[in-house]
Amino acid sequence: YGFDEIGNQTKKPSETVIQCKVKSVG
């Protein structure tokens, strides 16, 4: 989170790829 040049709050995504196992919901 930050602010642009006129003071509006901004939200910039940052992505990280990892390995996982997948399960179904019971």
PDB file of all heavy atoms in Angstrom:
ATOM      1  N   TYR A   1       0.840  -1.185   0.000  1.00  0.00           N
ATOM      2  CA  TYR A   1       0.000   0.000   0.000  1.00  0.00           C
ATOM      3  C   TYR A   1       0.875   1.235   0.000  1.00  0.00           C
ATOM      4  O   TYR A   1       1.915   1.279   0.645  1.00  0.00           O
ATOM      5  CB  TYR A   1      -0.927  -0.009   1.223  1.00  0.00           C
ATOM      6  CG  TYR A   1      -1.926  -1.127   1.176  1.00  0.00           C
ATOM      7  CD1 TYR A   1      -1.651  -2.363   1.748  1.00  0.00           C
ATOM      8  CD2 TYR A   1      -3.143  -0.964   0.529  1.00  0.00           C
ATOM      9  CE1 TYR A   1      -2.562  -3.409   1.691  1.00  0.00           C
ATOM     10  CE2 TYR A   1      -4.065  -2.000   0.467  1.00  0.00           C
ATOM     11  CZ  TYR A   1      -3.768  -3.214   1.055  1.00  0.00           C
ATOM     12  OH  TYR A   1      -4.669  -4.239   0.991  1.00  0.00           O
ATOM     13  N   GLY A   2       0.445   2.226  -0.728  1.00  0.00           N
ATOM     14  CA  GLY A   2       1.174   3.481  -0.795  1.00  0.00           C
ATOM     15  C   GLY A   2       0.232   4.583  -1.229  1.00  0.00           C
ATOM     16  O   GLY A   2      -0.989   4.447  -1.128  1.00  0.00           O
ATOM     17  N   PHE A   3       0.816   5.663  -1.712  1.00  0.00           N
ATOM     18  CA  PHE A   3       0.020   6.802  -2.153  1.00  0.00           C
ATOM     19  C   PHE A   3       0.532   7.276  -3.500  1.00  0.00           C
ATOM     20  O   PHE A   3       1.731   7.236  -3.773  1.00  0.00           O
ATOM     21  CB  PHE A   3       0.106   7.939  -1.124  1.00  0.00           C
ATOM     22  CG  PHE A   3      -0.506   7.582   0.191  1.00  0.00           C
ATOM     23  CD1 PHE A   3       0.267   7.063   1.212  1.00  0.00           C
ATOM     24  CD2 PHE A   3      -1.867   7.729   0.404  1.00  0.00           C
ATOM     25  CE1 PHE A   3      -0.293   6.711   2.423  1.00  0.00           C
ATOM     26  CE2 PHE A   3      -2.442   7.380   1.609  1.00  0.00           C
ATOM     27  CZ  PHE A   3      -1.658   6.866   2.626  1.00  0.00           C
ATOM     28  N   ASP A   4      -0.399   7.725  -4.349  1.00  0.00           N
ATOM     29  CA  ASP A   4       0.012   8.273  -5.638  1.00  0.00           C
ATOM     30  C   ASP A   4       0.394   9.738  -5.474  1.00  0.00           C
ATOM     31  O   ASP A   4       0.393  10.275  -4.365  1.00  0.00           O
ATOM     32  CB  ASP A   4      -1.068   8.063  -6.700  1.00  0.00           C
ATOM     33  CG  ASP A   4      -2.365   8.795  -6.412  1.00  0.00           C
ATOM     34  OD1 ASP A   4      -2.388   9.696  -5.544  1.00  0.00           O
ATOM     35  OD2 ASP A   4      -3.374   8.480  -7.077  1.00  0.00           O
ATOM     36  N   GLU A   5       0.696  10.399  -6.600  1.00  0.00           N
ATOM     37  CA  GLU A   5       1.202  11.766  -6.554  1.00  0.00           C
ATOM     38  C   GLU A   5       0.207  12.785  -6.023  1.00  0.00           C
ATOM     39  O   GLU A   5       0.594  13.870  -5.593  1.00  0.00           O
ATOM     40  CB  GLU A   5       1.708  12.197  -7.939  1.00  0.00           C
ATOM     41  CG  GLU A   5       0.664  12.178  -9.041  1.00  0.00           C
ATOM     42  CD  GLU A   5       0.423  10.799  -9.642  1.00  0.00           C
ATOM     43  OE1 GLU A   5       1.197   9.854  -9.388  1.00  0.00           O
ATOM     44  OE2 GLU A   5      -0.577  10.652 -10.345  1.00  0.00           O
ATOM     45  N   ILE A   6      -1.097  12.441  -5.998  1.00  0.00           N
ATOM     46  CA  ILE A   6      -2.079  13.392  -5.454  1.00  0.00           C
ATOM     47  C   ILE A   6      -2.646  12.944  -4.111  1.00  0.00           C
ATOM     48  O   ILE A   6      -3.611  13.509  -3.624  1.00  0.00           O
ATOM     49  CB  ILE A   6      -3.209  13.673  -6.469  1.00  0.00           C
ATOM     50  CG1 ILE A   6      -3.961  12.400  -6.838  1.00  0.00           C
ATOM     51  CG2 ILE A   6      -2.670  14.371  -7.694  1.00  0.00           C
ATOM     52  CD1 ILE A   6      -5.206  12.636  -7.679  1.00  0.00           C
ATOM     53  N   GLY A   7      -2.048  11.902  -3.524  1.00  0.00           N
ATOM     54  CA  GLY A   7      -2.424  11.495  -2.177  1.00  0.00           C
ATOM     55  C   GLY A   7      -3.457  10.397  -2.065  1.00  0.00           C
ATOM     56  O   GLY A   7      -3.873  10.056  -0.956  1.00  0.00           O
ATOM     57  N   ASN A   8      -3.891   9.823  -3.185  1.00  0.00           N
ATOM     58  CA  ASN A   8      -4.833   8.706  -3.135  1.00  0.00           C
ATOM     59  C   ASN A   8      -4.088   7.430  -2.751  1.00  0.00           C
ATOM     60  O   ASN A   8      -2.975   7.194  -3.220  1.00  0.00           O
ATOM     61  CB  ASN A   8      -5.509   8.499  -4.486  1.00  0.00           C
ATOM     62  CG  ASN A   8      -6.378   9.662  -4.884  1.00  0.00           C
ATOM     63  OD1 ASN A   8      -7.097  10.219  -4.059  1.00  0.00           O
ATOM     64  ND2 ASN A   8      -6.299  10.046  -6.145  1.00  0.00           N
ATOM     65  N   GLN A   9      -4.717   6.609  -1.902  1.00  0.00           N
ATOM     66  CA  GLN A   9      -4.088   5.351  -1.523  1.00  0.00           C
ATOM     67  C   GLN A   9      -4.073   4.403  -2.719  1.00  0.00           C
ATOM     68  O   GLN A   9      -5.053   4.295  -3.458  1.00  0.00           O
ATOM     69  CB  GLN A   9      -4.815   4.700  -0.358  1.00  0.00           C
ATOM     70  CG  GLN A   9      -4.083   3.476   0.160  1.00  0.00           C
ATOM     71  CD  GLN A   9      -4.714   2.872   1.390  1.00  0.00           C
ATOM     72  OE1 GLN A   9      -5.861   3.123   1.697  1.00  0.00           O
ATOM     73  NE2 GLN A   9      -3.954   2.073   2.106  1.00  0.00           N
ATOM     74  N   THR A  10      -2.952   3.713  -2.908  1.00  0.00           N
ATOM     75  CA  THR A  10      -2.808   2.737  -3.976  1.00  0.00           C
ATOM     76  C   THR A  10      -2.528   1.364  -3.389  1.00  0.00           C
ATOM     77  O   THR A  10      -2.052   1.253  -2.257  1.00  0.00           O
ATOM     78  CB  THR A  10      -1.665   3.124  -4.939  1.00  0.00           C
ATOM     79  OG1 THR A  10      -0.445   3.174  -4.205  1.00  0.00           O
ATOM     80  CG2 THR A  10      -1.923   4.457  -5.613  1.00  0.00           C
ATOM     81  N   LYS A  11      -2.850   0.356  -4.164  1.00  0.00           N
ATOM     82  CA  LYS A  11      -2.658  -1.030  -3.738  1.00  0.00           C
ATOM     83  C   LYS A  11      -1.978  -1.764  -4.887  1.00  0.00           C
ATOM     84  O   LYS A  11      -2.572  -1.924  -5.958  1.00  0.00           O
ATOM     85  CB  LYS A  11      -4.019  -1.635  -3.411  1.00  0.00           C
ATOM     86  CG  LYS A  11      -4.021  -3.062  -2.968  1.00  0.00           C
ATOM     87  CD  LYS A  11      -5.451  -3.435  -2.573  1.00  0.00           C
ATOM     88  CE  LYS A  11      -5.747  -4.881  -2.740  1.00  0.00           C
ATOM     89  NZ  LYS A  11      -7.116  -5.234  -2.373  1.00  0.00           N
ATOM     90  N   LYS A  12      -0.743  -2.184  -4.684  1.00  0.00           N
ATOM     91  CA  LYS A  12       0.028  -2.836  -5.736  1.00  0.00           C
ATOM     92  C   LYS A  12       0.269  -4.292  -5.349  1.00  0.00           C
ATOM     93  O   LYS A  12       0.857  -4.569  -4.307  1.00  0.00           O
ATOM     94  CB  LYS A  12       1.354  -2.114  -5.923  1.00  0.00           C
ATOM     95  CG  LYS A  12       2.217  -2.690  -7.003  1.00  0.00           C
ATOM     96  CD  LYS A  12       3.520  -1.921  -7.125  1.00  0.00           C
ATOM     97  CE  LYS A  12       4.427  -2.607  -8.113  1.00  0.00           C
ATOM     98  NZ  LYS A  12       5.740  -1.954  -8.171  1.00  0.00           N
ATOM     99  N   PRO A  13      -0.178  -5.245  -6.200  1.00  0.00           N
ATOM    100  CA  PRO A  13       0.035  -6.656  -5.875  1.00  0.00           C
ATOM    101  C   PRO A  13       1.478  -7.093  -6.131  1.00  0.00           C
ATOM    102  O   PRO A  13       2.147  -6.588  -7.026  1.00  0.00           O
ATOM    103  CB  PRO A  13      -0.925  -7.391  -6.801  1.00  0.00           C
ATOM    104  CG  PRO A  13      -1.142  -6.465  -7.944  1.00  0.00           C
ATOM    105  CD  PRO A  13      -0.966  -5.072  -7.409  1.00  0.00           C
ATOM    106  N   SER A  14       1.924  -8.018  -5.314  1.00  0.00           N
ATOM    107  CA  SER A  14       3.240  -8.634  -5.454  1.00  0.00           C
ATOM    108  C   SER A  14       3.016 -10.142  -5.394  1.00  0.00           C
ATOM    109  O   SER A  14       2.396 -10.644  -4.454  1.00  0.00           O
ATOM    110  CB  SER A  14       4.144  -8.169  -4.319  1.00  0.00           C
ATOM    111  OG  SER A  14       5.335  -8.904  -4.292  1.00  0.00           O
ATOM    112  N   GLU A  15       3.507 -10.877  -6.393  1.00  0.00           N
ATOM    113  CA  GLU A  15       3.222 -12.307  -6.499  1.00  0.00           C
ATOM    114  C   GLU A  15       4.458 -13.157  -6.253  1.00  0.00           C
ATOM    115  O   GLU A  15       5.552 -12.806  -6.688  1.00  0.00           O
ATOM    116  CB  GLU A  15       2.653 -12.624  -7.885  1.00  0.00           C
ATOM    117  CG  GLU A  15       1.353 -11.913  -8.171  1.00  0.00           C
ATOM    118  CD  GLU A  15       0.786 -12.236  -9.539  1.00  0.00           C
ATOM    119  OE1 GLU A  15       1.473 -12.910 -10.344  1.00  0.00           O
ATOM    120  OE2 GLU A  15      -0.351 -11.838  -9.804  1.00  0.00           O
ATOM    121  N   THR A  16       4.252 -14.278  -5.547  1.00  0.00           N
ATOM    122  CA  THR A  16       5.292 -15.264  -5.315  1.00  0.00           C
ATOM    123  C   THR A  16       4.726 -16.638  -5.655  1.00  0.00           C
ATOM    124  O   THR A  16       3.672 -17.016  -5.146  1.00  0.00           O
ATOM    125  CB  THR A  16       5.737 -15.260  -3.833  1.00  0.00           C
ATOM    126  OG1 THR A  16       6.145 -13.950  -3.467  1.00  0.00           O
ATOM    127  CG2 THR A  16       6.856 -16.250  -3.598  1.00  0.00           C
ATOM    128  N   VAL A  17       5.416 -17.380  -6.519  1.00  0.00           N
ATOM    129  CA  VAL A  17       4.961 -18.715  -6.905  1.00  0.00           C
ATOM    130  C   VAL A  17       5.680 -19.749  -6.043  1.00  0.00           C
ATOM    131  O   VAL A  17       6.905 -19.722  -5.910  1.00  0.00           O
ATOM    132  CB  VAL A  17       5.227 -18.990  -8.397  1.00  0.00           C
ATOM    133  CG1 VAL A  17       4.805 -20.405  -8.772  1.00  0.00           C
ATOM    134  CG2 VAL A  17       4.512 -17.969  -9.261  1.00  0.00           C
ATOM    135  N   ILE A  18       4.883 -20.631  -5.422  1.00  0.00           N
ATOM    136  CA  ILE A  18       5.420 -21.723  -4.606  1.00  0.00           C
ATOM    137  C   ILE A  18       4.787 -23.031  -5.075  1.00  0.00           C
ATOM    138  O   ILE A  18       3.848 -23.030  -5.869  1.00  0.00           O
ATOM    139  CB  ILE A  18       5.167 -21.504  -3.099  1.00  0.00           C
ATOM    140  CG1 ILE A  18       3.664 -21.499  -2.793  1.00  0.00           C
ATOM    141  CG2 ILE A  18       5.838 -20.228  -2.616  1.00  0.00           C
ATOM    142  CD1 ILE A  18       3.339 -21.496  -1.304  1.00  0.00           C
ATOM    143  N   GLN A  19       5.264 -24.137  -4.561  1.00  0.00           N
ATOM    144  CA  GLN A  19       4.701 -25.447  -4.852  1.00  0.00           C
ATOM    145  C   GLN A  19       3.724 -25.840  -3.744  1.00  0.00           C
ATOM    146  O   GLN A  19       3.921 -25.486  -2.578  1.00  0.00           O
ATOM    147  CB  GLN A  19       5.805 -26.496  -4.962  1.00  0.00           C
ATOM    148  CG  GLN A  19       6.744 -26.264  -6.137  1.00  0.00           C
ATOM    149  CD  GLN A  19       6.026 -26.521  -7.446  1.00  0.00           C
ATOM    150  OE1 GLN A  19       5.621 -27.642  -7.736  1.00  0.00           O
ATOM    151  NE2 GLN A  19       5.840 -25.481  -8.242  1.00  0.00           N
ATOM    152  N   CYS A  20       2.675 -26.572  -4.115  1.00  0.00           N
ATOM    153  CA  CYS A  20       1.668 -26.977  -3.143  1.00  0.00           C
ATOM    154  C   CYS A  20       1.130 -28.361  -3.477  1.00  0.00           C
ATOM    155  O   CYS A  20       1.351 -28.888  -4.558  1.00  0.00           O
ATOM    156  CB  CYS A  20       0.521 -25.969  -3.103  1.00  0.00           C
ATOM    157  SG  CYS A  20      -0.545 -26.004  -4.563  1.00  0.00           S
ATOM    158  N   LYS A  21       0.403 -28.905  -2.526  1.00  0.00           N
ATOM    159  CA  LYS A  21      -0.434 -30.088  -2.736  1.00  0.00           C
ATOM    160  C   LYS A  21      -1.871 -29.575  -2.773  1.00  0.00           C
ATOM    161  O   LYS A  21      -2.199 -28.594  -2.110  1.00  0.00           O
ATOM    162  CB  LYS A  21      -0.319 -31.068  -1.567  1.00  0.00           C
ATOM    163  CG  LYS A  21       1.056 -31.626  -1.314  1.00  0.00           C
ATOM    164  CD  LYS A  21       0.991 -32.536  -0.080  1.00  0.00           C
ATOM    165  CE  LYS A  21       2.347 -32.830   0.475  1.00  0.00           C
ATOM    166  NZ  LYS A  21       2.274 -33.629   1.713  1.00  0.00           N
ATOM    167  N   VAL A  22      -2.729 -30.238  -3.501  1.00  0.00           N
ATOM    168  CA  VAL A  22      -4.128 -29.830  -3.613  1.00  0.00           C
ATOM    169  C   VAL A  22      -5.007 -30.906  -2.998  1.00  0.00           C
ATOM    170  O   VAL A  22      -4.801 -32.094  -3.233  1.00  0.00           O
ATOM    171  CB  VAL A  22      -4.525 -29.592  -5.085  1.00  0.00           C
ATOM    172  CG1 VAL A  22      -5.983 -29.204  -5.196  1.00  0.00           C
ATOM    173  CG2 VAL A  22      -3.636 -28.530  -5.712  1.00  0.00           C
ATOM    174  N   LYS A  23      -5.981 -30.471  -2.190  1.00  0.00           N
ATOM    175  CA  LYS A  23      -6.961 -31.385  -1.586  1.00  0.00           C
ATOM    176  C   LYS A  23      -8.353 -30.831  -1.838  1.00  0.00           C
ATOM    177  O   LYS A  23      -8.535 -29.633  -1.999  1.00  0.00           O
ATOM    178  CB  LYS A  23      -6.753 -31.462  -0.063  1.00  0.00           C
ATOM    179  CG  LYS A  23      -5.541 -32.237   0.381  1.00  0.00           C
ATOM    180  CD  LYS A  23      -5.375 -32.217   1.890  1.00  0.00           C
ATOM    181  CE  LYS A  23      -6.574 -32.729   2.642  1.00  0.00           C
ATOM    182  NZ  LYS A  23      -6.368 -32.746   4.103  1.00  0.00           N
ATOM    183  N   SER A  24      -9.313 -31.705  -1.832  1.00  0.00           N
ATOM    184  CA  SER A  24     -10.694 -31.249  -1.948  1.00  0.00           C
ATOM    185  C   SER A  24     -11.257 -30.966  -0.558  1.00  0.00           C
ATOM    186  O   SER A  24     -10.762 -31.474   0.448  1.00  0.00           O
ATOM    187  CB  SER A  24     -11.554 -32.283  -2.667  1.00  0.00           C
ATOM    188  OG  SER A  24     -11.561 -33.487  -1.934  1.00  0.00           O
ATOM    189  N   VAL A  25     -12.290 -30.165  -0.528  1.00  0.00           N
ATOM    190  CA  VAL A  25     -12.994 -29.871   0.719  1.00  0.00           C
ATOM    191  C   VAL A  25     -13.975 -31.005   0.950  1.00  0.00           C
ATOM    192  O   VAL A  25     -14.723 -31.383   0.048  1.00  0.00           O
ATOM    193  CB  VAL A  25     -13.735 -28.521   0.623  1.00  0.00           C
ATOM    194  CG1 VAL A  25     -14.583 -28.274   1.850  1.00  0.00           C
ATOM    195  CG2 VAL A  25     -12.740 -27.391   0.417  1.00  0.00           C
ATOM    196  N   GLY A  26     -13.982 -31.558   2.148  1.00  0.00           N
ATOM    197  CA  GLY A  26     -14.879 -32.659   2.473  1.00  0.00           C
ATOM    198  C   GLY A  26     -16.338 -32.228   2.512  1.00  0.00           C
ATOM    199  O   GLY A  26     -16.658 -31.055   2.723  1.00  0.00           O
TER     200      GLY A  26
END
